[in-house]
Amino acid sequence: NGLPIDATGNMNDVEQIGEGVDNPYNTIPEL
């Protein structure tokens, strides 16, 4: 819609749900 896309993400709790660990990433290769 003419607006820049914020495609940052957070692969939090990658090892186990509920462990409370953040894993921010900026690109799909980083994910």
PDB file of all heavy atoms in Angstrom:
ATOM      1  N   ASN A   1       0.831  -1.220   0.000  1.00  0.00           N
ATOM      2  CA  ASN A   1       0.000   0.000   0.000  1.00  0.00           C
ATOM      3  C   ASN A   1       0.859   1.262   0.000  1.00  0.00           C
ATOM      4  O   ASN A   1       0.503   2.285   0.586  1.00  0.00           O
ATOM      5  CB  ASN A   1      -0.918   0.012   1.229  1.00  0.00           C
ATOM      6  CG  ASN A   1      -1.816  -1.206   1.308  1.00  0.00           C
ATOM      7  OD1 ASN A   1      -2.272  -1.706   0.279  1.00  0.00           O
ATOM      8  ND2 ASN A   1      -2.047  -1.685   2.514  1.00  0.00           N
ATOM      9  N   GLY A   2       2.020   1.168  -0.644  1.00  0.00           N
ATOM     10  CA  GLY A   2       2.918   2.314  -0.710  1.00  0.00           C
ATOM     11  C   GLY A   2       3.723   2.541   0.554  1.00  0.00           C
ATOM     12  O   GLY A   2       4.490   3.488   0.640  1.00  0.00           O
ATOM     13  N   LEU A   3       3.547   1.669   1.541  1.00  0.00           N
ATOM     14  CA  LEU A   3       4.261   1.812   2.814  1.00  0.00           C
ATOM     15  C   LEU A   3       5.427   0.826   2.871  1.00  0.00           C
ATOM     16  O   LEU A   3       5.332  -0.299   2.376  1.00  0.00           O
ATOM     17  CB  LEU A   3       3.304   1.531   3.976  1.00  0.00           C
ATOM     18  CG  LEU A   3       2.055   2.404   4.054  1.00  0.00           C
ATOM     19  CD1 LEU A   3       1.081   1.845   5.094  1.00  0.00           C
ATOM     20  CD2 LEU A   3       2.435   3.842   4.413  1.00  0.00           C
ATOM     21  N   PRO A   4       6.541   1.227   3.463  1.00  0.00           N
ATOM     22  CA  PRO A   4       7.681   0.304   3.578  1.00  0.00           C
ATOM     23  C   PRO A   4       7.338  -0.872   4.483  1.00  0.00           C
ATOM     24  O   PRO A   4       6.599  -0.731   5.461  1.00  0.00           O
ATOM     25  CB  PRO A   4       8.786   1.176   4.187  1.00  0.00           C
ATOM     26  CG  PRO A   4       8.057   2.286   4.884  1.00  0.00           C
ATOM     27  CD  PRO A   4       6.826   2.554   4.069  1.00  0.00           C
ATOM     28  N   ILE A   5       7.847  -2.045   4.144  1.00  0.00           N
ATOM     29  CA  ILE A   5       7.551  -3.260   4.904  1.00  0.00           C
ATOM     30  C   ILE A   5       8.613  -3.495   5.973  1.00  0.00           C
ATOM     31  O   ILE A   5       9.805  -3.467   5.697  1.00  0.00           O
ATOM     32  CB  ILE A   5       7.496  -4.483   3.973  1.00  0.00           C
ATOM     33  CG1 ILE A   5       6.328  -4.359   2.989  1.00  0.00           C
ATOM     34  CG2 ILE A   5       7.368  -5.787   4.775  1.00  0.00           C
ATOM     35  CD1 ILE A   5       6.286  -5.451   1.946  1.00  0.00           C
ATOM     36  N   ASP A   6       8.145  -3.704   7.192  1.00  0.00           N
ATOM     37  CA  ASP A   6       9.026  -4.102   8.290  1.00  0.00           C
ATOM     38  C   ASP A   6       9.013  -5.628   8.351  1.00  0.00           C
ATOM     39  O   ASP A   6       8.042  -6.228   8.776  1.00  0.00           O
ATOM     40  CB  ASP A   6       8.521  -3.502   9.610  1.00  0.00           C
ATOM     41  CG  ASP A   6       9.347  -3.948  10.811  1.00  0.00           C
ATOM     42  OD1 ASP A   6      10.347  -4.664  10.609  1.00  0.00           O
ATOM     43  OD2 ASP A   6       8.977  -3.601  11.949  1.00  0.00           O
ATOM     44  N   ALA A   7      10.099  -6.250   7.893  1.00  0.00           N
ATOM     45  CA  ALA A   7      10.159  -7.712   7.842  1.00  0.00           C
ATOM     46  C   ALA A   7      11.117  -8.268   8.888  1.00  0.00           C
ATOM     47  O   ALA A   7      11.674  -9.347   8.711  1.00  0.00           O
ATOM     48  CB  ALA A   7      10.575  -8.176   6.451  1.00  0.00           C
ATOM     49  N   THR A   8      11.289  -7.536   9.979  1.00  0.00           N
ATOM     50  CA  THR A   8      12.078  -8.095  11.075  1.00  0.00           C
ATOM     51  C   THR A   8      11.230  -9.136  11.797  1.00  0.00           C
ATOM     52  O   THR A   8      10.001  -9.062  11.815  1.00  0.00           O
ATOM     53  CB  THR A   8      12.504  -7.003  12.072  1.00  0.00           C
ATOM     54  OG1 THR A   8      11.325  -6.336  12.564  1.00  0.00           O
ATOM     55  CG2 THR A   8      13.417  -5.988  11.399  1.00  0.00           C
ATOM     56  N   GLY A   9      11.883 -10.124  12.371  1.00  0.00           N
ATOM     57  CA  GLY A   9      11.152 -11.190  13.040  1.00  0.00           C
ATOM     58  C   GLY A   9      11.816 -11.597  14.335  1.00  0.00           C
ATOM     59  O   GLY A   9      12.869 -11.083  14.709  1.00  0.00           O
ATOM     60  N   ASN A  10      11.174 -12.523  15.032  1.00  0.00           N
ATOM     61  CA  ASN A  10      11.715 -13.046  16.289  1.00  0.00           C
ATOM     62  C   ASN A  10      11.455 -14.547  16.346  1.00  0.00           C
ATOM     63  O   ASN A  10      10.316 -14.976  16.481  1.00  0.00           O
ATOM     64  CB  ASN A  10      11.070 -12.344  17.484  1.00  0.00           C
ATOM     65  CG  ASN A  10      11.718 -12.753  18.800  1.00  0.00           C
ATOM     66  OD1 ASN A  10      12.665 -13.532  18.833  1.00  0.00           O
ATOM     67  ND2 ASN A  10      11.194 -12.231  19.902  1.00  0.00           N
ATOM     68  N   MET A  11      12.534 -15.325  16.214  1.00  0.00           N
ATOM     69  CA  MET A  11      12.418 -16.776  16.315  1.00  0.00           C
ATOM     70  C   MET A  11      12.611 -17.172  17.773  1.00  0.00           C
ATOM     71  O   MET A  11      13.547 -17.874  18.152  1.00  0.00           O
ATOM     72  CB  MET A  11      13.464 -17.438  15.408  1.00  0.00           C
ATOM     73  CG  MET A  11      13.364 -18.960  15.287  1.00  0.00           C
ATOM     74  SD  MET A  11      11.819 -19.576  14.593  1.00  0.00           S
ATOM     75  CE  MET A  11      10.900 -20.045  16.058  1.00  0.00           C
ATOM     76  N   ASN A  12      11.691 -16.657  18.610  1.00  0.00           N
ATOM     77  CA  ASN A  12      11.812 -16.883  20.053  1.00  0.00           C
ATOM     78  C   ASN A  12      11.514 -18.328  20.428  1.00  0.00           C
ATOM     79  O   ASN A  12      10.778 -19.029  19.730  1.00  0.00           O
ATOM     80  CB  ASN A  12      10.888 -15.925  20.823  1.00  0.00           C
ATOM     81  CG  ASN A  12       9.429 -16.032  20.373  1.00  0.00           C
ATOM     82  OD1 ASN A  12       9.145 -16.325  19.224  1.00  0.00           O
ATOM     83  ND2 ASN A  12       8.515 -15.768  21.283  1.00  0.00           N
ATOM     84  N   ASP A  13      12.119 -18.764  21.508  1.00  0.00           N
ATOM     85  CA  ASP A  13      11.884 -20.112  22.055  1.00  0.00           C
ATOM     86  C   ASP A  13      12.055 -21.194  20.996  1.00  0.00           C
ATOM     87  O   ASP A  13      11.226 -22.107  20.879  1.00  0.00           O
ATOM     88  CB  ASP A  13      10.496 -20.190  22.687  1.00  0.00           C
ATOM     89  CG  ASP A  13      10.399 -19.364  23.968  1.00  0.00           C
ATOM     90  OD1 ASP A  13      11.361 -18.619  24.264  1.00  0.00           O
ATOM     91  OD2 ASP A  13       9.389 -19.465  24.671  1.00  0.00           O
ATOM     92  N   VAL A  14      13.129 -21.097  20.249  1.00  0.00           N
ATOM     93  CA  VAL A  14      13.364 -22.048  19.160  1.00  0.00           C
ATOM     94  C   VAL A  14      13.582 -23.468  19.688  1.00  0.00           C
ATOM     95  O   VAL A  14      13.199 -24.439  19.041  1.00  0.00           O
ATOM     96  CB  VAL A  14      14.556 -21.594  18.283  1.00  0.00           C
ATOM     97  CG1 VAL A  14      15.859 -21.616  19.071  1.00  0.00           C
ATOM     98  CG2 VAL A  14      14.682 -22.468  17.033  1.00  0.00           C
ATOM     99  N   GLU A  15      14.149 -23.585  20.880  1.00  0.00           N
ATOM    100  CA  GLU A  15      14.425 -24.916  21.414  1.00  0.00           C
ATOM    101  C   GLU A  15      13.236 -25.498  22.180  1.00  0.00           C
ATOM    102  O   GLU A  15      13.001 -26.691  22.160  1.00  0.00           O
ATOM    103  CB  GLU A  15      15.663 -24.890  22.321  1.00  0.00           C
ATOM    104  CG  GLU A  15      16.928 -24.377  21.640  1.00  0.00           C
ATOM    105  CD  GLU A  15      17.347 -25.199  20.429  1.00  0.00           C
ATOM    106  OE1 GLU A  15      16.860 -26.332  20.253  1.00  0.00           O
ATOM    107  OE2 GLU A  15      18.164 -24.700  19.633  1.00  0.00           O
ATOM    108  N   GLN A  16      12.491 -24.624  22.848  1.00  0.00           N
ATOM    109  CA  GLN A  16      11.347 -25.116  23.627  1.00  0.00           C
ATOM    110  C   GLN A  16      10.400 -23.965  23.957  1.00  0.00           C
ATOM    111  O   GLN A  16      10.835 -22.914  24.426  1.00  0.00           O
ATOM    112  CB  GLN A  16      11.840 -25.764  24.931  1.00  0.00           C
ATOM    113  CG  GLN A  16      10.725 -26.376  25.762  1.00  0.00           C
ATOM    114  CD  GLN A  16      11.260 -27.053  27.015  1.00  0.00           C
ATOM    115  OE1 GLN A  16      12.456 -27.288  27.140  1.00  0.00           O
ATOM    116  NE2 GLN A  16      10.374 -27.357  27.949  1.00  0.00           N
ATOM    117  N   ILE A  17       9.118 -24.160  23.694  1.00  0.00           N
ATOM    118  CA  ILE A  17       8.109 -23.160  24.006  1.00  0.00           C
ATOM    119  C   ILE A  17       8.112 -22.882  25.512  1.00  0.00           C
ATOM    120  O   ILE A  17       8.117 -23.808  26.328  1.00  0.00           O
ATOM    121  CB  ILE A  17       6.702 -23.638  23.582  1.00  0.00           C
ATOM    122  CG1 ILE A  17       6.600 -23.687  22.056  1.00  0.00           C
ATOM    123  CG2 ILE A  17       5.619 -22.743  24.163  1.00  0.00           C
ATOM    124  CD1 ILE A  17       6.594 -22.340  21.384  1.00  0.00           C
ATOM    125  N   GLY A  18       8.130 -21.609  25.852  1.00  0.00           N
ATOM    126  CA  GLY A  18       8.052 -21.223  27.254  1.00  0.00           C
ATOM    127  C   GLY A  18       9.386 -20.967  27.919  1.00  0.00           C
ATOM    128  O   GLY A  18       9.430 -20.568  29.089  1.00  0.00           O
ATOM    129  N   GLU A  19      10.505 -21.136  27.172  1.00  0.00           N
ATOM    130  CA  GLU A  19      11.809 -20.925  27.801  1.00  0.00           C
ATOM    131  C   GLU A  19      12.182 -19.453  27.882  1.00  0.00           C
ATOM    132  O   GLU A  19      13.102 -19.070  28.606  1.00  0.00           O
ATOM    133  CB  GLU A  19      12.899 -21.712  27.073  1.00  0.00           C
ATOM    134  CG  GLU A  19      13.165 -21.245  25.650  1.00  0.00           C
ATOM    135  CD  GLU A  19      14.243 -22.073  24.943  1.00  0.00           C
ATOM    136  OE1 GLU A  19      14.794 -22.987  25.592  1.00  0.00           O
ATOM    137  OE2 GLU A  19      14.533 -21.792  23.775  1.00  0.00           O
ATOM    138  N   GLY A  20      11.456 -18.597  27.137  1.00  0.00           N
ATOM    139  CA  GLY A  20      11.657 -17.152  27.248  1.00  0.00           C
ATOM    140  C   GLY A  20      12.930 -16.633  26.624  1.00  0.00           C
ATOM    141  O   GLY A  20      13.511 -15.649  27.102  1.00  0.00           O
ATOM    142  N   VAL A  21      13.370 -17.236  25.525  1.00  0.00           N
ATOM    143  CA  VAL A  21      14.593 -16.802  24.846  1.00  0.00           C
ATOM    144  C   VAL A  21      14.243 -16.150  23.519  1.00  0.00           C
ATOM    145  O   VAL A  21      13.602 -16.761  22.661  1.00  0.00           O
ATOM    146  CB  VAL A  21      15.543 -17.989  24.605  1.00  0.00           C
ATOM    147  CG1 VAL A  21      16.773 -17.545  23.817  1.00  0.00           C
ATOM    148  CG2 VAL A  21      15.954 -18.619  25.927  1.00  0.00           C
ATOM    149  N   ASP A  22      14.658 -14.882  23.338  1.00  0.00           N
ATOM    150  CA  ASP A  22      14.416 -14.169  22.089  1.00  0.00           C
ATOM    151  C   ASP A  22      15.531 -14.453  21.084  1.00  0.00           C
ATOM    152  O   ASP A  22      16.699 -14.591  21.450  1.00  0.00           O
ATOM    153  CB  ASP A  22      14.340 -12.666  22.331  1.00  0.00           C
ATOM    154  CG  ASP A  22      13.041 -12.254  23.012  1.00  0.00           C
ATOM    155  OD1 ASP A  22      12.003 -12.862  22.697  1.00  0.00           O
ATOM    156  OD2 ASP A  22      13.069 -11.339  23.854  1.00  0.00           O
ATOM    157  N   ASN A  23      15.137 -14.537  19.821  1.00  0.00           N
ATOM    158  CA  ASN A  23      16.102 -14.678  18.722  1.00  0.00           C
ATOM    159  C   ASN A  23      15.680 -13.755  17.582  1.00  0.00           C
ATOM    160  O   ASN A  23      15.128 -14.198  16.579  1.00  0.00           O
ATOM    161  CB  ASN A  23      16.144 -16.133  18.219  1.00  0.00           C
ATOM    162  CG  ASN A  23      16.961 -17.045  19.104  1.00  0.00           C
ATOM    163  OD1 ASN A  23      18.178 -16.905  19.190  1.00  0.00           O
ATOM    164  ND2 ASN A  23      16.295 -17.965  19.771  1.00  0.00           N
ATOM    165  N   PRO A  24      15.926 -12.444  17.740  1.00  0.00           N
ATOM    166  CA  PRO A  24      15.521 -11.512  16.683  1.00  0.00           C
ATOM    167  C   PRO A  24      16.330 -11.729  15.410  1.00  0.00           C
ATOM    168  O   PRO A  24      17.498 -12.121  15.468  1.00  0.00           O
ATOM    169  CB  PRO A  24      15.810 -10.144  17.303  1.00  0.00           C
ATOM    170  CG  PRO A  24      16.853 -10.400  18.339  1.00  0.00           C
ATOM    171  CD  PRO A  24      16.584 -11.770  18.864  1.00  0.00           C
ATOM    172  N   TYR A  25      15.692 -11.482  14.279  1.00  0.00           N
ATOM    173  CA  TYR A  25      16.400 -11.585  12.994  1.00  0.00           C
ATOM    174  C   TYR A  25      15.855 -10.533  12.034  1.00  0.00           C
ATOM    175  O   TYR A  25      14.718 -10.069  12.168  1.00  0.00           O
ATOM    176  CB  TYR A  25      16.273 -12.994  12.407  1.00  0.00           C
ATOM    177  CG  TYR A  25      14.873 -13.410  12.021  1.00  0.00           C
ATOM    178  CD1 TYR A  25      14.371 -13.188  10.739  1.00  0.00           C
ATOM    179  CD2 TYR A  25      14.026 -14.050  12.940  1.00  0.00           C
ATOM    180  CE1 TYR A  25      13.094 -13.564  10.383  1.00  0.00           C
ATOM    181  CE2 TYR A  25      12.746 -14.447  12.585  1.00  0.00           C
ATOM    182  CZ  TYR A  25      12.285 -14.205  11.308  1.00  0.00           C
ATOM    183  OH  TYR A  25      11.005 -14.578  10.954  1.00  0.00           O
ATOM    184  N   ASN A  26      16.676 -10.170  11.064  1.00  0.00           N
ATOM    185  CA  ASN A  26      16.308  -9.114  10.116  1.00  0.00           C
ATOM    186  C   ASN A  26      15.972  -9.636   8.723  1.00  0.00           C
ATOM    187  O   ASN A  26      15.298  -8.960   7.961  1.00  0.00           O
ATOM    188  CB  ASN A  26      17.444  -8.092   9.997  1.00  0.00           C
ATOM    189  CG  ASN A  26      17.696  -7.354  11.303  1.00  0.00           C
ATOM    190  OD1 ASN A  26      16.783  -6.786  11.880  1.00  0.00           O
ATOM    191  ND2 ASN A  26      18.936  -7.384  11.771  1.00  0.00           N
ATOM    192  N   THR A  27      16.488 -10.803   8.383  1.00  0.00           N
ATOM    193  CA  THR A  27      16.275 -11.360   7.042  1.00  0.00           C
ATOM    194  C   THR A  27      15.986 -12.855   7.145  1.00  0.00           C
ATOM    195  O   THR A  27      16.271 -13.487   8.157  1.00  0.00           O
ATOM    196  CB  THR A  27      17.517 -11.169   6.155  1.00  0.00           C
ATOM    197  OG1 THR A  27      18.587 -11.962   6.695  1.00  0.00           O
ATOM    198  CG2 THR A  27      17.938  -9.702   6.091  1.00  0.00           C
ATOM    199  N   ILE A  28      15.447 -13.419   6.065  1.00  0.00           N
ATOM    200  CA  ILE A  28      15.198 -14.853   6.017  1.00  0.00           C
ATOM    201  C   ILE A  28      16.506 -15.651   6.102  1.00  0.00           C
ATOM    202  O   ILE A  28      16.551 -16.678   6.792  1.00  0.00           O
ATOM    203  CB  ILE A  28      14.381 -15.229   4.764  1.00  0.00           C
ATOM    204  CG1 ILE A  28      12.950 -14.673   4.881  1.00  0.00           C
ATOM    205  CG2 ILE A  28      14.346 -16.739   4.564  1.00  0.00           C
ATOM    206  CD1 ILE A  28      12.187 -15.158   6.108  1.00  0.00           C
ATOM    207  N   PRO A  29      17.588 -15.230   5.443  1.00  0.00           N
ATOM    208  CA  PRO A  29      18.856 -15.949   5.652  1.00  0.00           C
ATOM    209  C   PRO A  29      19.288 -15.974   7.115  1.00  0.00           C
ATOM    210  O   PRO A  29      19.882 -16.968   7.568  1.00  0.00           O
ATOM    211  CB  PRO A  29      19.852 -15.168   4.780  1.00  0.00           C
ATOM    212  CG  PRO A  29      19.014 -14.654   3.650  1.00  0.00           C
ATOM    213  CD  PRO A  29      17.709 -14.274   4.309  1.00  0.00           C
ATOM    214  N   GLU A  30      18.992 -14.918   7.882  1.00  0.00           N
ATOM    215  CA  GLU A  30      19.322 -14.923   9.309  1.00  0.00           C
ATOM    216  C   GLU A  30      18.443 -15.922  10.063  1.00  0.00           C
ATOM    217  O   GLU A  30      18.914 -16.640  10.958  1.00  0.00           O
ATOM    218  CB  GLU A  30      19.162 -13.520   9.903  1.00  0.00           C
ATOM    219  CG  GLU A  30      20.231 -12.539   9.465  1.00  0.00           C
ATOM    220  CD  GLU A  30      20.038 -11.164  10.074  1.00  0.00           C
ATOM    221  OE1 GLU A  30      19.298 -11.041  11.080  1.00  0.00           O
ATOM    222  OE2 GLU A  30      20.612 -10.196   9.548  1.00  0.00           O
ATOM    223  N   LEU A  31      17.165 -15.997   9.710  1.00  0.00           N
ATOM    224  CA  LEU A  31      16.278 -16.990  10.302  1.00  0.00           C
ATOM    225  C   LEU A  31      16.789 -18.391   9.989  1.00  0.00           C
ATOM    226  O   LEU A  31      16.784 -19.281  10.851  1.00  0.00           O
ATOM    227  CB  LEU A  31      14.853 -16.824   9.772  1.00  0.00           C
ATOM    228  CG  LEU A  31      13.847 -17.928  10.144  1.00  0.00           C
ATOM    229  CD1 LEU A  31      13.687 -18.044  11.656  1.00  0.00           C
ATOM    230  CD2 LEU A  31      12.500 -17.685   9.476  1.00  0.00           C
TER     231      LEU A  31
END
